[in-house]
C-alpha atoms as a PDB file:
ATOM      1  CA  MET A   1     156.779  83.821  95.217  1.00  0.00           C
ATOM      2  CA  ARG A   2     155.219  85.215  98.453  1.00  0.00           C
ATOM      3  CA  GLY A   3     153.045  87.855  96.881  1.00  0.00           C
ATOM      4  CA  PHE A   4     150.692  85.424  95.236  1.00  0.00           C
ATOM      5  CA  LEU A   5     147.096  84.786  96.203  1.00  0.00           C
ATOM      6  CA  LEU A   6     146.815  81.607  98.077  1.00  0.00           C
ATOM      7  CA  GLY A   7     143.002  81.383  98.028  1.00  0.00           C
ATOM      8  CA  ALA A   8     140.009  83.329  97.643  1.00  0.00           C
ATOM      9  CA  VAL A   9     136.384  82.692  98.508  1.00  0.00           C
ATOM     10  CA  VAL A  10     133.561  85.056  97.419  1.00  0.00           C
ATOM     11  CA  ALA A  11     130.016  84.435  98.765  1.00  0.00           C
ATOM     12  CA  VAL A  12     127.124  86.520  97.855  1.00  0.00           C
ATOM     13  CA  ALA A  13     123.689  86.156  99.255  1.00  0.00           C
ATOM     14  CA  VAL A  14     120.812  88.379  98.167  1.00  0.00           C
ATOM     15  CA  VAL A  15     117.368  88.154  99.731  1.00  0.00           C
ATOM     16  CA  GLY A  16     114.383  90.050  98.133  1.00  0.00           C
ATOM     17  CA  CYS A  17     112.833  93.368  99.278  1.00  0.00           C
ATOM     18  CA  GLY A  18     113.928  94.399 102.697  1.00  0.00           C
ATOM     19  CA  GLY A  19     116.596  91.646 102.639  1.00  0.00           C
ATOM     20  CA  THR A  20     120.263  91.813 103.184  1.00  0.00           C
ATOM     21  CA  GLU A  21     123.020  91.727 100.694  1.00  0.00           C
ATOM     22  CA  THR A  22     126.220  90.238 102.182  1.00  0.00           C
ATOM     23  CA  VAL A  23     129.606  90.104 100.395  1.00  0.00           C
ATOM     24  CA  THR A  24     132.313  88.135 102.249  1.00  0.00           C
ATOM     25  CA  THR A  25     135.830  88.004 100.820  1.00  0.00           C
ATOM     26  CA  THR A  26     138.407  85.926 102.502  1.00  0.00           C
ATOM     27  CA  VAL A  27     141.936  86.176 101.256  1.00  0.00           C
ATOM     28  CA  SER A  28     144.510  83.946 102.791  1.00  0.00           C
ATOM     29  CA  GLU A  29     147.643  85.975 102.353  1.00  0.00           C
ATOM     30  CA  SER A  30     149.464  86.832 105.572  1.00  0.00           C
ATOM     31  CA  GLU A  31     146.345  85.836 107.514  1.00  0.00           C
ATOM     32  CA  THR A  32     144.358  88.900 105.995  1.00  0.00           C
ATOM     33  CA  VAL A  33     140.559  88.628 106.071  1.00  0.00           C
ATOM     34  CA  THR A  34     138.229  91.261 104.657  1.00  0.00           C
ATOM     35  CA  GLU A  35     134.516  91.189 105.243  1.00  0.00           C
ATOM     36  CA  THR A  36     131.994  93.734 103.845  1.00  0.00           C
ATOM     37  CA  VAL A  37     128.395  93.656 104.881  1.00  0.00           C
ATOM     38  CA  THR A  38     125.803  95.879 103.301  1.00  0.00           C
ATOM     39  CA  GLU A  39     122.276  95.858 104.400  1.00  0.00           C
ATOM     40  CA  THR A  40     119.708  96.987 101.820  1.00  0.00           C
ATOM     41  CA  VAL A  41     116.261  98.021 103.015  1.00  0.00           C
ATOM     42  CA  SER A  42     113.610  98.503 100.359  1.00  0.00           C
ATOM     43  CA  GLU A  43     110.248 100.124 100.838  1.00  0.00           C
ATOM     44  CA  PRO A  44     107.239  98.111  99.515  1.00  0.00           C
ATOM     45  CA  THR A  45     106.406  99.142  96.097  1.00  0.00           C
ATOM     46  CA  ALA A  46     103.424  98.304  93.741  1.00  0.00           C
ATOM     47  CA  VAL A  47     104.908  97.051  90.519  1.00  0.00           C
ATOM     48  CA  GLY A  48     103.627  98.609  87.354  1.00  0.00           C
ATOM     49  CA  LEU A  49     102.369 101.817  88.773  1.00  0.00           C
ATOM     50  CA  PRO A  50     102.828 105.239  86.964  1.00  0.00           C
ATOM     51  CA  ASP A  51     105.319 107.349  88.945  1.00  0.00           C
ATOM     52  CA  ALA A  52     102.742 109.822  90.277  1.00  0.00           C
ATOM     53  CA  VAL A  53     100.592 106.858  91.556  1.00  0.00           C
ATOM     54  CA  ALA A  54     103.574 105.095  93.052  1.00  0.00           C
ATOM     55  CA  GLU A  55     104.465 108.227  94.898  1.00  0.00           C
ATOM     56  CA  THR A  56     101.003 108.775  96.320  1.00  0.00           C
ATOM     57  CA  HIS A  57     100.765 105.055  97.229  1.00  0.00           C
ATOM     58  CA  ALA A  58     104.100 105.216  99.015  1.00  0.00           C
ATOM     59  CA  GLY A  59     103.075 108.363 100.981  1.00  0.00           C
ATOM     60  CA  LEU A  60      99.582 106.890 101.857  1.00  0.00           C
ATOM     61  CA  LEU A  61     101.203 103.664 103.060  1.00  0.00           C
ATOM     62  CA  ALA A  62     103.757 105.496 105.216  1.00  0.00           C
ATOM     63  CA  ALA A  63     101.039 107.693 106.692  1.00  0.00           C
ATOM     64  CA  ALA A  64      98.718 104.723 107.315  1.00  0.00           C
ATOM     65  CA  GLU A  65     101.495 102.697 108.911  1.00  0.00           C
ATOM     66  CA  SER A  66     102.322 105.460 111.182  1.00  0.00           C
ATOM     67  CA  GLY A  67      98.779 105.225 112.579  1.00  0.00           C
ATOM     68  CA  ASP A  68      98.473 109.026 112.534  1.00  0.00           C
ATOM     69  CA  TYR A  69      95.331 110.199 110.781  1.00  0.00           C
ATOM     70  CA  GLU A  70      96.803 113.684 110.446  1.00  0.00           C
ATOM     71  CA  ALA A  71      99.570 112.247 108.240  1.00  0.00           C
ATOM     72  CA  LEU A  72      96.828 111.547 105.604  1.00  0.00           C
ATOM     73  CA  ARG A  73      95.677 115.290 105.518  1.00  0.00           C
ATOM     74  CA  PRO A  74      98.126 116.385 102.770  1.00  0.00           C
ATOM     75  CA  PHE A  75      96.518 113.897 100.388  1.00  0.00           C
ATOM     76  CA  LEU A  76      92.849 115.067 100.922  1.00  0.00           C
ATOM     77  CA  HIS A  77      91.021 117.439  98.675  1.00  0.00           C
ATOM     78  CA  ASP A  78      87.543 118.852  98.236  1.00  0.00           C
ATOM     79  CA  GLU A  79      86.401 116.181  95.776  1.00  0.00           C
ATOM     80  CA  PHE A  80      87.699 113.298  98.006  1.00  0.00           C
ATOM     81  CA  SER A  81      85.047 110.579  98.787  1.00  0.00           C
ATOM     82  CA  TYR A  82      84.996 108.915 102.185  1.00  0.00           C
ATOM     83  CA  THR A  83      81.281 108.175 102.893  1.00  0.00           C
ATOM     84  CA  PHE A  84      78.162 107.248 100.962  1.00  0.00           C
ATOM     85  CA  GLY A  85      76.062 109.338 103.364  1.00  0.00           C
ATOM     86  CA  LEU A  86      76.291 113.061 104.035  1.00  0.00           C
ATOM     87  CA  PRO A  87      79.784 114.387 104.611  1.00  0.00           C
ATOM     88  CA  ASP A  88      80.844 114.545 108.200  1.00  0.00           C
ATOM     89  CA  GLU A  89      81.221 118.001 109.642  1.00  0.00           C
ATOM     90  CA  GLY A  90      84.814 117.391 110.522  1.00  0.00           C
ATOM     91  CA  GLY A  91      85.671 115.838 107.114  1.00  0.00           C
ATOM     92  CA  PRO A  92      87.311 112.517 106.294  1.00  0.00           C
ATOM     93  CA  ILE A  93      89.694 112.317 109.270  1.00  0.00           C
ATOM     94  CA  ALA A  94      86.876 113.061 111.822  1.00  0.00           C
ATOM     95  CA  TYR A  95      84.691 110.540 110.118  1.00  0.00           C
ATOM     96  CA  TRP A  96      87.418 107.703 110.239  1.00  0.00           C
ATOM     97  CA  GLN A  97      88.124 108.581 113.898  1.00  0.00           C
ATOM     98  CA  MET A  98      84.414 108.242 114.642  1.00  0.00           C
ATOM     99  CA  VAL A  99      84.185 104.841 112.888  1.00  0.00           C
ATOM    100  CA  GLU A 100      87.131 103.645 114.877  1.00  0.00           C
ATOM    101  CA  GLN A 101      85.626 105.030 118.232  1.00  0.00           C
ATOM    102  CA  GLU A 102      82.354 103.212 117.502  1.00  0.00           C
ATOM    103  CA  GLY A 103      84.272 100.037 117.881  1.00  0.00           C
ATOM    104  CA  GLU A 104      84.694  99.058 114.270  1.00  0.00           C
ATOM    105  CA  ASP A 105      88.054  98.020 112.729  1.00  0.00           C
ATOM    106  CA  SER A 106      90.449 100.946 112.659  1.00  0.00           C
ATOM    107  CA  PRO A 107      90.170 102.545 109.130  1.00  0.00           C
ATOM    108  CA  ILE A 108      93.859 103.706 109.171  1.00  0.00           C
ATOM    109  CA  GLU A 109      95.013 100.145 109.930  1.00  0.00           C
ATOM    110  CA  ILE A 110      92.826  98.691 107.214  1.00  0.00           C
ATOM    111  CA  LEU A 111      94.187 101.380 104.770  1.00  0.00           C
ATOM    112  CA  ALA A 112      97.758 100.175 105.488  1.00  0.00           C
ATOM    113  CA  ARG A 113      96.672  96.630 105.171  1.00  0.00           C
ATOM    114  CA  ILE A 114      94.969  96.990 101.720  1.00  0.00           C
ATOM    115  CA  LEU A 115      97.787  99.199 100.389  1.00  0.00           C
ATOM    116  CA  ARG A 116     100.172  96.264 101.013  1.00  0.00           C
ATOM    117  CA  MET A 117      97.916  94.150  98.664  1.00  0.00           C
ATOM    118  CA  PRO A 118      97.890  94.003  94.871  1.00  0.00           C
ATOM    119  CA  TYR A 119      95.686  96.650  93.125  1.00  0.00           C
ATOM    120  CA  THR A 120      93.416  96.535  90.206  1.00  0.00           C
ATOM    121  CA  LEU A 121      92.995  99.092  87.418  1.00  0.00           C
ATOM    122  CA  VAL A 122      89.335 100.104  86.789  1.00  0.00           C
ATOM    123  CA  GLY A 123      88.266 103.081  84.699  1.00  0.00           C
ATOM    124  CA  GLY A 124      91.636 104.659  84.905  1.00  0.00           C
ATOM    125  CA  LEU A 125      91.781 104.415  88.695  1.00  0.00           C
ATOM    126  CA  TYR A 126      94.314 102.322  90.609  1.00  0.00           C
ATOM    127  CA  ILE A 127      92.195 100.557  93.340  1.00  0.00           C
ATOM    128  CA  TRP A 128      93.194  98.623  96.433  1.00  0.00           C
ATOM    129  CA  PRO A 129      92.559  95.886  97.266  1.00  0.00           C
ATOM    130  CA  PHE A 130      92.398  93.880  94.013  1.00  0.00           C
ATOM    131  CA  ALA A 131      89.189  92.371  95.098  1.00  0.00           C
ATOM    132  CA  PHE A 132      87.196  95.522  94.221  1.00  0.00           C
ATOM    133  CA  ASP A 133      86.400  94.135  90.868  1.00  0.00           C
ATOM    134  CA  THR A 134      86.610  90.408  91.501  1.00  0.00           C
ATOM    135  CA  PRO A 135      83.316  88.664  92.094  1.00  0.00           C
ATOM    136  CA  GLU A 136      83.379  86.474  95.272  1.00  0.00           C
ATOM    137  CA  ASP A 137      82.797  83.259  93.542  1.00  0.00           C
ATOM    138  CA  GLU A 138      85.950  83.975  91.343  1.00  0.00           C
ATOM    139  CA  LEU A 139      88.324  84.591  94.151  1.00  0.00           C
ATOM    140  CA  THR A 140      91.115  81.951  94.148  1.00  0.00           C
ATOM    141  CA  GLU A 141      92.298  80.325  97.392  1.00  0.00           C
ATOM    142  CA  HIS A 142      95.356  82.465  97.245  1.00  0.00           C
ATOM    143  CA  GLU A 143      93.380  85.640  96.849  1.00  0.00           C
ATOM    144  CA  ARG A 144      91.191  84.630  99.789  1.00  0.00           C
ATOM    145  CA  GLU A 145      94.283  84.130 101.876  1.00  0.00           C
ATOM    146  CA  LEU A 146      95.629  87.606 100.788  1.00  0.00           C
ATOM    147  CA  LEU A 147      92.268  89.211 101.820  1.00  0.00           C
ATOM    148  CA  GLY A 148      91.926  87.250 105.080  1.00  0.00           C
ATOM    149  CA  ASP A 149      88.824  88.386 106.999  1.00  0.00           C
ATOM    150  CA  LEU A 150      88.197  91.033 104.326  1.00  0.00           C
ATOM    151  CA  ALA A 151      87.094  88.173 102.037  1.00  0.00           C
ATOM    152  CA  GLU A 152      83.958  88.081 104.105  1.00  0.00           C
ATOM    153  CA  LEU A 153      82.914  91.532 102.954  1.00  0.00           C
ATOM    154  CA  TYR A 154      80.867  90.778  99.864  1.00  0.00           C
ATOM    155  CA  GLY A 155      77.365  91.691  99.369  1.00  0.00           C
ATOM    156  CA  ASP A 156      74.798  89.504  97.563  1.00  0.00           C
ATOM    157  CA  GLY A 157      75.330  90.266  93.895  1.00  0.00           C
ATOM    158  CA  SER A 158      77.033  93.571  94.704  1.00  0.00           C
ATOM    159  CA  GLY A 159      80.731  92.556  94.960  1.00  0.00           C
ATOM    160  CA  TYR A 160      83.354  93.576  97.533  1.00  0.00           C
ATOM    161  CA  LEU A 161      81.916  96.087 100.092  1.00  0.00           C
ATOM    162  CA  GLY A 162      84.826  96.399 102.355  1.00  0.00           C
ATOM    163  CA  TRP A 163      87.204  99.392 102.724  1.00  0.00           C
ATOM    164  CA  ARG A 164      88.911 100.285  99.414  1.00  0.00           C
ATOM    165  CA  THR A 165      90.911 103.053  98.156  1.00  0.00           C
ATOM    166  CA  GLY A 166      91.704 104.598  94.774  1.00  0.00           C
ATOM    167  CA  ILE A 167      94.338 106.759  93.198  1.00  0.00           C
ATOM    168  CA  ALA A 168      93.973 108.544  89.854  1.00  0.00           C
ATOM    169  CA  ALA A 169      96.703 108.118  87.209  1.00  0.00           C
ATOM    170  CA  ASN A 170      97.890 111.671  87.960  1.00  0.00           C
ATOM    171  CA  GLY A 171      98.534 110.649  91.681  1.00  0.00           C
ATOM    172  CA  THR A 172      95.425 112.300  93.217  1.00  0.00           C
ATOM    173  CA  TRP A 173      93.932 110.211  96.060  1.00  0.00           C
ATOM    174  CA  GLN A 174      90.307 109.839  95.037  1.00  0.00           C
ATOM    175  CA  PHE A 175      88.597 107.899  97.814  1.00  0.00           C
ATOM    176  CA  PHE A 176      88.942 105.645 100.852  1.00  0.00           C
ATOM    177  CA  ILE A 177      85.466 104.268 101.499  1.00  0.00           C
ATOM    178  CA  ALA A 178      83.509 101.131 102.665  1.00  0.00           C
ATOM    179  CA  GLY A 179      79.994  99.940 102.015  1.00  0.00           C
ATOM    180  CA  ASP A 180      77.893 100.414  98.942  1.00  0.00           C
END
């Protein structure tokens, strides 16, 4: 009987977020070989976030990764906090650009960096990085590795003082601020 299947091999490999799913089927009947490759690209997501927070998080991360401060403008509002001093005449974007021009680390790059880290939930706000409410002496070695040089931004008895950002449960971006 010529119409029977002589052999079949199916291989499936799946790699996590941003990975590739490859399905290869080889059928040895009249030398027919079929190969299907599907690449799946996933956006980074923060597990456990309410939909509104996840949407804002994704939008902020995309804007920050673009390096374009103006891409953050749609998320800003009158009650947004960005400095402990007097508000800058030009608002948050002008302030962050000034900080960058003064030679400090780029706030927009730090925003992208911290939004890729785990978050913590404090007083109904989702805050990045997780270190916001973790005392320095309680950081694990793994947490120190996640923070990298940001692990050095602790004040005596005051906790983490580096750049941090918070999103309310309704998806409103509340702050992106550094210092105390």
